[in-house]
Amino acid sequence: MGICGAWVTDVDDTVIMSGNLPTNEIISTLSGLITELKKRHVLWVAMSGVAMAKMGSRLLYKLPEELLDNVVYYAGDGSQSFTFNSGTRMWVEDNGFRRIF
């Protein structure tokens, strides 16, 4: 069974307060949520106007790597799409997605 849905969440002031670093407790809770979504074949789609370089170090790089194939990050108010490439172990921008904006 493939992906059957997505849970879209604004990150700033929803998951973490804007400008704050998430605590270990927030990372743990979010990781648990992503684990449950993954079991149900639902992606977590995080959205923010914050650039990947900043959001990565604030939140995304802190998530367990085994969950990252179930995460999509839309940055720049949704004009950029990033997914995790488990082969290179890096976040990769979908340039085709950017071109349509």
PDB file of N, CA and C in Angstrom:
ATOM      1  N   MET A   1       0.848  -1.181   0.000  1.00  0.00           N
ATOM      2  CA  MET A   1       0.000   0.000   0.000  1.00  0.00           C
ATOM      3  C   MET A   1       0.890   1.240   0.000  1.00  0.00           C
ATOM      4  N   GLY A   2       0.610   2.203  -0.873  1.00  0.00           N
ATOM      5  CA  GLY A   2       1.368   3.444  -0.950  1.00  0.00           C
ATOM      6  C   GLY A   2       0.786   4.516  -0.049  1.00  0.00           C
ATOM      7  N   ILE A   3       1.263   5.704  -0.239  1.00  0.00           N
ATOM      8  CA  ILE A   3       0.770   6.857   0.516  1.00  0.00           C
ATOM      9  C   ILE A   3      -0.691   7.097   0.149  1.00  0.00           C
ATOM     10  N   CYS A   4      -1.516   7.309   1.162  1.00  0.00           N
ATOM     11  CA  CYS A   4      -2.942   7.525   0.894  1.00  0.00           C
ATOM     12  C   CYS A   4      -3.440   8.879   1.375  1.00  0.00           C
ATOM     13  N   GLY A   5      -2.549   9.716   1.893  1.00  0.00           N
ATOM     14  CA  GLY A   5      -2.985  11.029   2.337  1.00  0.00           C
ATOM     15  C   GLY A   5      -1.830  11.839   2.886  1.00  0.00           C
ATOM     16  N   ALA A   6      -2.164  13.044   3.343  1.00  0.00           N
ATOM     17  CA  ALA A   6      -1.153  13.935   3.908  1.00  0.00           C
ATOM     18  C   ALA A   6      -1.772  14.759   5.024  1.00  0.00           C
ATOM     19  N   TRP A   7      -0.991  15.005   6.051  1.00  0.00           N
ATOM     20  CA  TRP A   7      -1.383  15.886   7.133  1.00  0.00           C
ATOM     21  C   TRP A   7      -0.527  17.134   6.988  1.00  0.00           C
ATOM     22  N   VAL A   8      -1.156  18.223   6.566  1.00  0.00           N
ATOM     23  CA  VAL A   8      -0.447  19.472   6.286  1.00  0.00           C
ATOM     24  C   VAL A   8      -0.495  20.358   7.526  1.00  0.00           C
ATOM     25  N   THR A   9       0.685  20.838   7.913  1.00  0.00           N
ATOM     26  CA  THR A   9       0.793  21.641   9.126  1.00  0.00           C
ATOM     27  C   THR A   9       1.666  22.861   8.878  1.00  0.00           C
ATOM     28  N   ASP A  10       1.179  24.021   9.285  1.00  0.00           N
ATOM     29  CA  ASP A  10       2.034  25.201   9.341  1.00  0.00           C
ATOM     30  C   ASP A  10       2.960  25.002  10.539  1.00  0.00           C
ATOM     31  N   VAL A  11       4.234  25.287  10.385  1.00  0.00           N
ATOM     32  CA  VAL A  11       5.195  25.018  11.454  1.00  0.00           C
ATOM     33  C   VAL A  11       5.278  26.169  12.448  1.00  0.00           C
ATOM     34  N   ASP A  12       5.508  27.383  11.956  1.00  0.00           N
ATOM     35  CA  ASP A  12       5.706  28.533  12.848  1.00  0.00           C
ATOM     36  C   ASP A  12       4.436  28.877  13.606  1.00  0.00           C
ATOM     37  N   ASP A  13       4.594  28.973  14.918  1.00  0.00           N
ATOM     38  CA  ASP A  13       3.521  29.302  15.853  1.00  0.00           C
ATOM     39  C   ASP A  13       2.430  28.232  15.898  1.00  0.00           C
ATOM     40  N   THR A  14       2.691  27.072  15.298  1.00  0.00           N
ATOM     41  CA  THR A  14       1.770  25.938  15.374  1.00  0.00           C
ATOM     42  C   THR A  14       2.499  24.760  16.014  1.00  0.00           C
ATOM     43  N   VAL A  15       3.572  24.299  15.371  1.00  0.00           N
ATOM     44  CA  VAL A  15       4.377  23.206  15.909  1.00  0.00           C
ATOM     45  C   VAL A  15       5.407  23.769  16.880  1.00  0.00           C
ATOM     46  N   ILE A  16       6.076  24.841  16.475  1.00  0.00           N
ATOM     47  CA  ILE A  16       7.028  25.526  17.347  1.00  0.00           C
ATOM     48  C   ILE A  16       6.759  27.028  17.269  1.00  0.00           C
ATOM     49  N   MET A  17       7.045  27.711  18.349  1.00  0.00           N
ATOM     50  CA  MET A  17       6.876  29.161  18.347  1.00  0.00           C
ATOM     51  C   MET A  17       7.923  29.777  17.431  1.00  0.00           C
ATOM     52  N   SER A  18       7.499  30.714  16.631  1.00  0.00           N
ATOM     53  CA  SER A  18       8.382  31.370  15.668  1.00  0.00           C
ATOM     54  C   SER A  18       9.628  31.916  16.362  1.00  0.00           C
ATOM     55  N   GLY A  19      10.794  31.588  15.797  1.00  0.00           N
ATOM     56  CA  GLY A  19      12.054  32.074  16.338  1.00  0.00           C
ATOM     57  C   GLY A  19      12.639  31.224  17.446  1.00  0.00           C
ATOM     58  N   ASN A  20      11.863  30.268  17.979  1.00  0.00           N
ATOM     59  CA  ASN A  20      12.357  29.418  19.067  1.00  0.00           C
ATOM     60  C   ASN A  20      12.852  28.085  18.533  1.00  0.00           C
ATOM     61  N   LEU A  21      13.825  27.523  19.203  1.00  0.00           N
ATOM     62  CA  LEU A  21      14.258  26.167  18.890  1.00  0.00           C
ATOM     63  C   LEU A  21      13.349  25.193  19.615  1.00  0.00           C
ATOM     64  N   PRO A  22      12.959  24.107  18.952  1.00  0.00           N
ATOM     65  CA  PRO A  22      12.089  23.139  19.628  1.00  0.00           C
ATOM     66  C   PRO A  22      12.861  22.396  20.723  1.00  0.00           C
ATOM     67  N   THR A  23      12.178  22.085  21.788  1.00  0.00           N
ATOM     68  CA  THR A  23      12.780  21.323  22.878  1.00  0.00           C
ATOM     69  C   THR A  23      12.868  19.854  22.470  1.00  0.00           C
ATOM     70  N   ASN A  24      13.634  19.092  23.230  1.00  0.00           N
ATOM     71  CA  ASN A  24      13.710  17.651  22.991  1.00  0.00           C
ATOM     72  C   ASN A  24      12.333  17.009  23.129  1.00  0.00           C
ATOM     73  N   GLU A  25      11.516  17.531  24.038  1.00  0.00           N
ATOM     74  CA  GLU A  25      10.156  17.006  24.223  1.00  0.00           C
ATOM     75  C   GLU A  25       9.311  17.237  22.966  1.00  0.00           C
ATOM     76  N   ILE A  26       9.423  18.402  22.360  1.00  0.00           N
ATOM     77  CA  ILE A  26       8.672  18.684  21.129  1.00  0.00           C
ATOM     78  C   ILE A  26       9.157  17.784  20.002  1.00  0.00           C
ATOM     79  N   ILE A  27      10.457  17.593  19.869  1.00  0.00           N
ATOM     80  CA  ILE A  27      11.005  16.705  18.835  1.00  0.00           C
ATOM     81  C   ILE A  27      10.490  15.286  19.056  1.00  0.00           C
ATOM     82  N   SER A  28      10.482  14.823  20.285  1.00  0.00           N
ATOM     83  CA  SER A  28      10.009  13.479  20.609  1.00  0.00           C
ATOM     84  C   SER A  28       8.517  13.315  20.293  1.00  0.00           C
ATOM     85  N   THR A  29       7.728  14.302  20.678  1.00  0.00           N
ATOM     86  CA  THR A  29       6.285  14.254  20.408  1.00  0.00           C
ATOM     87  C   THR A  29       6.018  14.270  18.912  1.00  0.00           C
ATOM     88  N   LEU A  30       6.706  15.133  18.194  1.00  0.00           N
ATOM     89  CA  LEU A  30       6.538  15.217  16.746  1.00  0.00           C
ATOM     90  C   LEU A  30       6.984  13.921  16.069  1.00  0.00           C
ATOM     91  N   SER A  31       8.068  13.341  16.538  1.00  0.00           N
ATOM     92  CA  SER A  31       8.545  12.065  15.996  1.00  0.00           C
ATOM     93  C   SER A  31       7.503  10.967  16.204  1.00  0.00           C
ATOM     94  N   GLY A  32       6.870  10.957  17.368  1.00  0.00           N
ATOM     95  CA  GLY A  32       5.802   9.986  17.635  1.00  0.00           C
ATOM     96  C   GLY A  32       4.626  10.177  16.694  1.00  0.00           C
ATOM     97  N   LEU A  33       4.278  11.419  16.443  1.00  0.00           N
ATOM     98  CA  LEU A  33       3.178  11.712  15.521  1.00  0.00           C
ATOM     99  C   LEU A  33       3.519  11.254  14.109  1.00  0.00           C
ATOM    100  N   ILE A  34       4.738  11.541  13.655  1.00  0.00           N
ATOM    101  CA  ILE A  34       5.154  11.126  12.309  1.00  0.00           C
ATOM    102  C   ILE A  34       5.167   9.602  12.210  1.00  0.00           C
ATOM    103  N   THR A  35       5.580   8.927  13.275  1.00  0.00           N
ATOM    104  CA  THR A  35       5.560   7.463  13.302  1.00  0.00           C
ATOM    105  C   THR A  35       4.141   6.938  13.113  1.00  0.00           C
ATOM    106  N   GLU A  36       3.192   7.525  13.817  1.00  0.00           N
ATOM    107  CA  GLU A  36       1.793   7.096  13.684  1.00  0.00           C
ATOM    108  C   GLU A  36       1.239   7.397  12.295  1.00  0.00           C
ATOM    109  N   LEU A  37       1.582   8.562  11.742  1.00  0.00           N
ATOM    110  CA  LEU A  37       1.147   8.894  10.385  1.00  0.00           C
ATOM    111  C   LEU A  37       1.715   7.888   9.387  1.00  0.00           C
ATOM    112  N   LYS A  38       2.988   7.555   9.553  1.00  0.00           N
ATOM    113  CA  LYS A  38       3.659   6.619   8.644  1.00  0.00           C
ATOM    114  C   LYS A  38       2.978   5.251   8.670  1.00  0.00           C
ATOM    115  N   LYS A  39       2.600   4.789   9.841  1.00  0.00           N
ATOM    116  CA  LYS A  39       1.893   3.508   9.965  1.00  0.00           C
ATOM    117  C   LYS A  39       0.589   3.505   9.168  1.00  0.00           C
ATOM    118  N   ARG A  40       0.000   4.679   9.044  1.00  0.00           N
ATOM    119  CA  ARG A  40      -1.285   4.824   8.344  1.00  0.00           C
ATOM    120  C   ARG A  40      -1.115   5.295   6.893  1.00  0.00           C
ATOM    121  N   HIS A  41       0.156   5.332   6.429  1.00  0.00           N
ATOM    122  CA  HIS A  41       0.485   5.728   5.057  1.00  0.00           C
ATOM    123  C   HIS A  41       0.076   7.168   4.754  1.00  0.00           C
ATOM    124  N   VAL A  42       0.279   8.020   5.752  1.00  0.00           N
ATOM    125  CA  VAL A  42      -0.031   9.443   5.629  1.00  0.00           C
ATOM    126  C   VAL A  42       1.267  10.236   5.796  1.00  0.00           C
ATOM    127  N   LEU A  43       1.578  11.093   4.831  1.00  0.00           N
ATOM    128  CA  LEU A  43       2.760  11.960   4.905  1.00  0.00           C
ATOM    129  C   LEU A  43       2.527  13.093   5.887  1.00  0.00           C
ATOM    130  N   TRP A  44       3.601  13.562   6.509  1.00  0.00           N
ATOM    131  CA  TRP A  44       3.530  14.827   7.233  1.00  0.00           C
ATOM    132  C   TRP A  44       4.102  15.876   6.300  1.00  0.00           C
ATOM    133  N   VAL A  45       3.293  16.854   5.952  1.00  0.00           N
ATOM    134  CA  VAL A  45       3.717  17.950   5.089  1.00  0.00           C
ATOM    135  C   VAL A  45       3.817  19.196   5.966  1.00  0.00           C
ATOM    136  N   ALA A  46       5.048  19.610   6.206  1.00  0.00           N
ATOM    137  CA  ALA A  46       5.313  20.801   7.012  1.00  0.00           C
ATOM    138  C   ALA A  46       5.461  21.995   6.076  1.00  0.00           C
ATOM    139  N   MET A  47       4.827  23.108   6.429  1.00  0.00           N
ATOM    140  CA  MET A  47       4.891  24.311   5.597  1.00  0.00           C
ATOM    141  C   MET A  47       5.343  25.498   6.432  1.00  0.00           C
ATOM    142  N   SER A  48       6.149  26.357   5.799  1.00  0.00           N
ATOM    143  CA  SER A  48       6.585  27.574   6.467  1.00  0.00           C
ATOM    144  C   SER A  48       7.173  28.527   5.440  1.00  0.00           C
ATOM    145  N   GLY A  49       7.165  29.791   5.747  1.00  0.00           N
ATOM    146  CA  GLY A  49       7.843  30.779   4.921  1.00  0.00           C
ATOM    147  C   GLY A  49       9.337  30.794   5.185  1.00  0.00           C
ATOM    148  N   VAL A  50       9.783  30.004   6.153  1.00  0.00           N
ATOM    149  CA  VAL A  50      11.189  29.959   6.547  1.00  0.00           C
ATOM    150  C   VAL A  50      11.973  29.094   5.563  1.00  0.00           C
ATOM    151  N   ALA A  51      13.132  29.580   5.144  1.00  0.00           N
ATOM    152  CA  ALA A  51      13.990  28.846   4.208  1.00  0.00           C
ATOM    153  C   ALA A  51      14.426  27.511   4.800  1.00  0.00           C
ATOM    154  N   MET A  52      14.694  26.571   3.909  1.00  0.00           N
ATOM    155  CA  MET A  52      15.111  25.230   4.338  1.00  0.00           C
ATOM    156  C   MET A  52      16.371  25.281   5.203  1.00  0.00           C
ATOM    157  N   ALA A  53      17.327  26.114   4.846  1.00  0.00           N
ATOM    158  CA  ALA A  53      18.571  26.192   5.622  1.00  0.00           C
ATOM    159  C   ALA A  53      18.287  26.511   7.092  1.00  0.00           C
ATOM    160  N   LYS A  54      17.333  27.371   7.337  1.00  0.00           N
ATOM    161  CA  LYS A  54      17.008  27.758   8.712  1.00  0.00           C
ATOM    162  C   LYS A  54      16.096  26.723   9.378  1.00  0.00           C
ATOM    163  N   MET A  55      15.053  26.264   8.680  1.00  0.00           N
ATOM    164  CA  MET A  55      14.120  25.303   9.272  1.00  0.00           C
ATOM    165  C   MET A  55      14.789  23.944   9.460  1.00  0.00           C
ATOM    166  N   GLY A  56      15.715  23.614   8.557  1.00  0.00           N
ATOM    167  CA  GLY A  56      16.434  22.354   8.711  1.00  0.00           C
ATOM    168  C   GLY A  56      17.160  22.294  10.036  1.00  0.00           C
ATOM    169  N   SER A  57      17.945  23.308  10.318  1.00  0.00           N
ATOM    170  CA  SER A  57      18.716  23.299  11.556  1.00  0.00           C
ATOM    171  C   SER A  57      17.830  23.490  12.786  1.00  0.00           C
ATOM    172  N   ARG A  58      16.720  24.163  12.638  1.00  0.00           N
ATOM    173  CA  ARG A  58      15.817  24.373  13.773  1.00  0.00           C
ATOM    174  C   ARG A  58      15.007  23.125  14.108  1.00  0.00           C
ATOM    175  N   LEU A  59      14.583  22.381  13.068  1.00  0.00           N
ATOM    176  CA  LEU A  59      13.632  21.297  13.320  1.00  0.00           C
ATOM    177  C   LEU A  59      13.915  20.023  12.518  1.00  0.00           C
ATOM    178  N   LEU A  60      13.966  20.131  11.209  1.00  0.00           N
ATOM    179  CA  LEU A  60      13.972  18.940  10.358  1.00  0.00           C
ATOM    180  C   LEU A  60      15.203  18.060  10.544  1.00  0.00           C
ATOM    181  N   TYR A  61      16.379  18.647  10.745  1.00  0.00           N
ATOM    182  CA  TYR A  61      17.602  17.862  10.936  1.00  0.00           C
ATOM    183  C   TYR A  61      17.610  17.138  12.284  1.00  0.00           C
ATOM    184  N   LYS A  62      16.722  17.504  13.170  1.00  0.00           N
ATOM    185  CA  LYS A  62      16.659  16.899  14.498  1.00  0.00           C
ATOM    186  C   LYS A  62      15.728  15.684  14.555  1.00  0.00           C
ATOM    187  N   LEU A  63      14.942  15.482  13.513  1.00  0.00           N
ATOM    188  CA  LEU A  63      14.027  14.336  13.479  1.00  0.00           C
ATOM    189  C   LEU A  63      14.805  13.058  13.170  1.00  0.00           C
ATOM    190  N   PRO A  64      14.334  11.914  13.678  1.00  0.00           N
ATOM    191  CA  PRO A  64      15.023  10.650  13.379  1.00  0.00           C
ATOM    192  C   PRO A  64      15.030  10.364  11.875  1.00  0.00           C
ATOM    193  N   GLU A  65      16.186   9.985  11.366  1.00  0.00           N
ATOM    194  CA  GLU A  65      16.354   9.778   9.929  1.00  0.00           C
ATOM    195  C   GLU A  65      15.389   8.736   9.371  1.00  0.00           C
ATOM    196  N   GLU A  66      15.042   7.723  10.155  1.00  0.00           N
ATOM    197  CA  GLU A  66      14.152   6.674   9.658  1.00  0.00           C
ATOM    198  C   GLU A  66      12.723   7.162   9.411  1.00  0.00           C
ATOM    199  N   LEU A  67      12.402   8.354   9.864  1.00  0.00           N
ATOM    200  CA  LEU A  67      11.061   8.921   9.635  1.00  0.00           C
ATOM    201  C   LEU A  67      11.023   9.903   8.469  1.00  0.00           C
ATOM    202  N   LEU A  68      12.184  10.330   8.004  1.00  0.00           N
ATOM    203  CA  LEU A  68      12.239  11.434   7.048  1.00  0.00           C
ATOM    204  C   LEU A  68      11.678  11.113   5.663  1.00  0.00           C
ATOM    205  N   ASP A  69      11.569   9.825   5.322  1.00  0.00           N
ATOM    206  CA  ASP A  69      10.941   9.487   4.043  1.00  0.00           C
ATOM    207  C   ASP A  69       9.440   9.728   4.083  1.00  0.00           C
ATOM    208  N   ASN A  70       8.930  10.084   5.250  1.00  0.00           N
ATOM    209  CA  ASN A  70       7.511  10.346   5.416  1.00  0.00           C
ATOM    210  C   ASN A  70       7.236  11.834   5.665  1.00  0.00           C
ATOM    211  N   VAL A  71       8.222  12.663   5.324  1.00  0.00           N
ATOM    212  CA  VAL A  71       8.111  14.108   5.557  1.00  0.00           C
ATOM    213  C   VAL A  71       8.381  14.860   4.255  1.00  0.00           C
ATOM    214  N   VAL A  72       7.556  15.845   3.981  1.00  0.00           N
ATOM    215  CA  VAL A  72       7.781  16.789   2.881  1.00  0.00           C
ATOM    216  C   VAL A  72       7.793  18.173   3.506  1.00  0.00           C
ATOM    217  N   TYR A  73       8.738  19.018   3.089  1.00  0.00           N
ATOM    218  CA  TYR A  73       8.785  20.388   3.606  1.00  0.00           C
ATOM    219  C   TYR A  73       8.547  21.358   2.471  1.00  0.00           C
ATOM    220  N   TYR A  74       7.495  22.177   2.618  1.00  0.00           N
ATOM    221  CA  TYR A  74       7.212  23.265   1.676  1.00  0.00           C
ATOM    222  C   TYR A  74       7.693  24.555   2.319  1.00  0.00           C
ATOM    223  N   ALA A  75       8.692  25.167   1.695  1.00  0.00           N
ATOM    224  CA  ALA A  75       9.273  26.413   2.205  1.00  0.00           C
ATOM    225  C   ALA A  75       8.863  27.574   1.310  1.00  0.00           C
ATOM    226  N   GLY A  76       9.225  28.770   1.726  1.00  0.00           N
ATOM    227  CA  GLY A  76       8.950  29.952   0.909  1.00  0.00           C
ATOM    228  C   GLY A  76       7.476  30.133   0.632  1.00  0.00           C
ATOM    229  N   ASP A  77       6.660  29.942   1.662  1.00  0.00           N
ATOM    230  CA  ASP A  77       5.206  30.051   1.526  1.00  0.00           C
ATOM    231  C   ASP A  77       4.657  29.078   0.498  1.00  0.00           C
ATOM    232  N   GLY A  78       5.263  27.893   0.418  1.00  0.00           N
ATOM    233  CA  GLY A  78       4.762  26.840  -0.449  1.00  0.00           C
ATOM    234  C   GLY A  78       5.337  26.814  -1.849  1.00  0.00           C
ATOM    235  N   SER A  79       6.304  27.686  -2.156  1.00  0.00           N
ATOM    236  CA  SER A  79       6.842  27.730  -3.511  1.00  0.00           C
ATOM    237  C   SER A  79       8.051  26.806  -3.700  1.00  0.00           C
ATOM    238  N   GLN A  80       8.515  26.173  -2.630  1.00  0.00           N
ATOM    239  CA  GLN A  80       9.634  25.242  -2.714  1.00  0.00           C
ATOM    240  C   GLN A  80       9.233  23.939  -2.027  1.00  0.00           C
ATOM    241  N   SER A  81       9.640  22.815  -2.609  1.00  0.00           N
ATOM    242  CA  SER A  81       9.323  21.508  -2.051  1.00  0.00           C
ATOM    243  C   SER A  81      10.619  20.738  -1.814  1.00  0.00           C
ATOM    244  N   PHE A  82      10.762  20.185  -0.609  1.00  0.00           N
ATOM    245  CA  PHE A  82      11.944  19.423  -0.241  1.00  0.00           C
ATOM    246  C   PHE A  82      11.528  18.052   0.278  1.00  0.00           C
ATOM    247  N   THR A  83      12.266  17.023  -0.134  1.00  0.00           N
ATOM    248  CA  THR A  83      12.095  15.678   0.396  1.00  0.00           C
ATOM    249  C   THR A  83      13.468  15.148   0.799  1.00  0.00           C
ATOM    250  N   PHE A  84      13.462  14.127   1.624  1.00  0.00           N
ATOM    251  CA  PHE A  84      14.708  13.541   2.096  1.00  0.00           C
ATOM    252  C   PHE A  84      15.098  12.388   1.195  1.00  0.00           C
ATOM    253  N   ASN A  85      16.341  12.399   0.725  1.00  0.00           N
ATOM    254  CA  ASN A  85      16.874  11.318  -0.094  1.00  0.00           C
ATOM    255  C   ASN A  85      17.675  10.410   0.835  1.00  0.00           C
ATOM    256  N   SER A  86      17.162   9.212   1.090  1.00  0.00           N
ATOM    257  CA  SER A  86      17.832   8.319   2.040  1.00  0.00           C
ATOM    258  C   SER A  86      19.155   7.793   1.494  1.00  0.00           C
ATOM    259  N   GLY A  87      19.325   7.770   0.163  1.00  0.00           N
ATOM    260  CA  GLY A  87      20.590   7.332  -0.425  1.00  0.00           C
ATOM    261  C   GLY A  87      21.730   8.287  -0.136  1.00  0.00           C
ATOM    262  N   THR A  88      21.475   9.582  -0.313  1.00  0.00           N
ATOM    263  CA  THR A  88      22.502  10.598  -0.057  1.00  0.00           C
ATOM    264  C   THR A  88      22.437  11.126   1.365  1.00  0.00           C
ATOM    265  N   ARG A  89      21.343  10.801   2.066  1.00  0.00           N
ATOM    266  CA  ARG A  89      21.098  11.270   3.432  1.00  0.00           C
ATOM    267  C   ARG A  89      21.055  12.797   3.494  1.00  0.00           C
ATOM    268  N   MET A  90      20.404  13.377   2.470  1.00  0.00           N
ATOM    269  CA  MET A  90      20.296  14.842   2.389  1.00  0.00           C
ATOM    270  C   MET A  90      18.881  15.233   1.963  1.00  0.00           C
ATOM    271  N   TRP A  91      18.486  16.439   2.358  1.00  0.00           N
ATOM    272  CA  TRP A  91      17.246  17.019   1.871  1.00  0.00           C
ATOM    273  C   TRP A  91      17.492  17.570   0.473  1.00  0.00           C
ATOM    274  N   VAL A  92      16.553  17.330  -0.430  1.00  0.00           N
ATOM    275  CA  VAL A  92      16.713  17.704  -1.829  1.00  0.00           C
ATOM    276  C   VAL A  92      15.510  18.532  -2.266  1.00  0.00           C
ATOM    277  N   GLU A  93      15.798  19.634  -2.947  1.00  0.00           N
ATOM    278  CA  GLU A  93      14.720  20.466  -3.471  1.00  0.00           C
ATOM    279  C   GLU A  93      14.238  19.909  -4.802  1.00  0.00           C
ATOM    280  N   ASP A  94      12.937  19.913  -4.997  1.00  0.00           N
ATOM    281  CA  ASP A  94      12.326  19.518  -6.272  1.00  0.00           C
ATOM    282  C   ASP A  94      12.274  20.769  -7.149  1.00  0.00           C
ATOM    283  N   ASN A  95      13.269  20.925  -8.036  1.00  0.00           N
ATOM    284  CA  ASN A  95      13.340  22.124  -8.878  1.00  0.00           C
ATOM    285  C   ASN A  95      12.182  22.207  -9.872  1.00  0.00           C
ATOM    286  N   GLY A  96      11.640  21.073 -10.277  1.00  0.00           N
ATOM    287  CA  GLY A  96      10.472  21.081 -11.152  1.00  0.00           C
ATOM    288  C   GLY A  96       9.277  21.727 -10.474  1.00  0.00           C
ATOM    289  N   PHE A  97       9.138  21.491  -9.174  1.00  0.00           N
ATOM    290  CA  PHE A  97       8.063  22.108  -8.402  1.00  0.00           C
ATOM    291  C   PHE A  97       8.228  23.619  -8.377  1.00  0.00           C
ATOM    292  N   ARG A  98       9.460  24.074  -8.188  1.00  0.00           N
ATOM    293  CA  ARG A  98       9.736  25.519  -8.128  1.00  0.00           C
ATOM    294  C   ARG A  98       9.398  26.197  -9.450  1.00  0.00           C
ATOM    295  N   ARG A  99       9.688  25.524 -10.568  1.00  0.00           N
ATOM    296  CA  ARG A  99       9.467  26.136 -11.877  1.00  0.00           C
ATOM    297  C   ARG A  99       7.995  26.430 -12.155  1.00  0.00           C
ATOM    298  N   ILE A 100       7.090  25.675 -11.539  1.00  0.00           N
ATOM    299  CA  ILE A 100       5.678  25.935 -11.823  1.00  0.00           C
ATOM    300  C   ILE A 100       5.161  27.179 -11.094  1.00  0.00           C
ATOM    301  N   PHE A 101       5.961  27.706 -10.182  1.00  0.00           N
ATOM    302  CA  PHE A 101       5.592  28.946  -9.497  1.00  0.00           C
ATOM    303  C   PHE A 101       6.301  30.078 -10.152  1.00  0.00           C
TER     304      PHE A 101
END
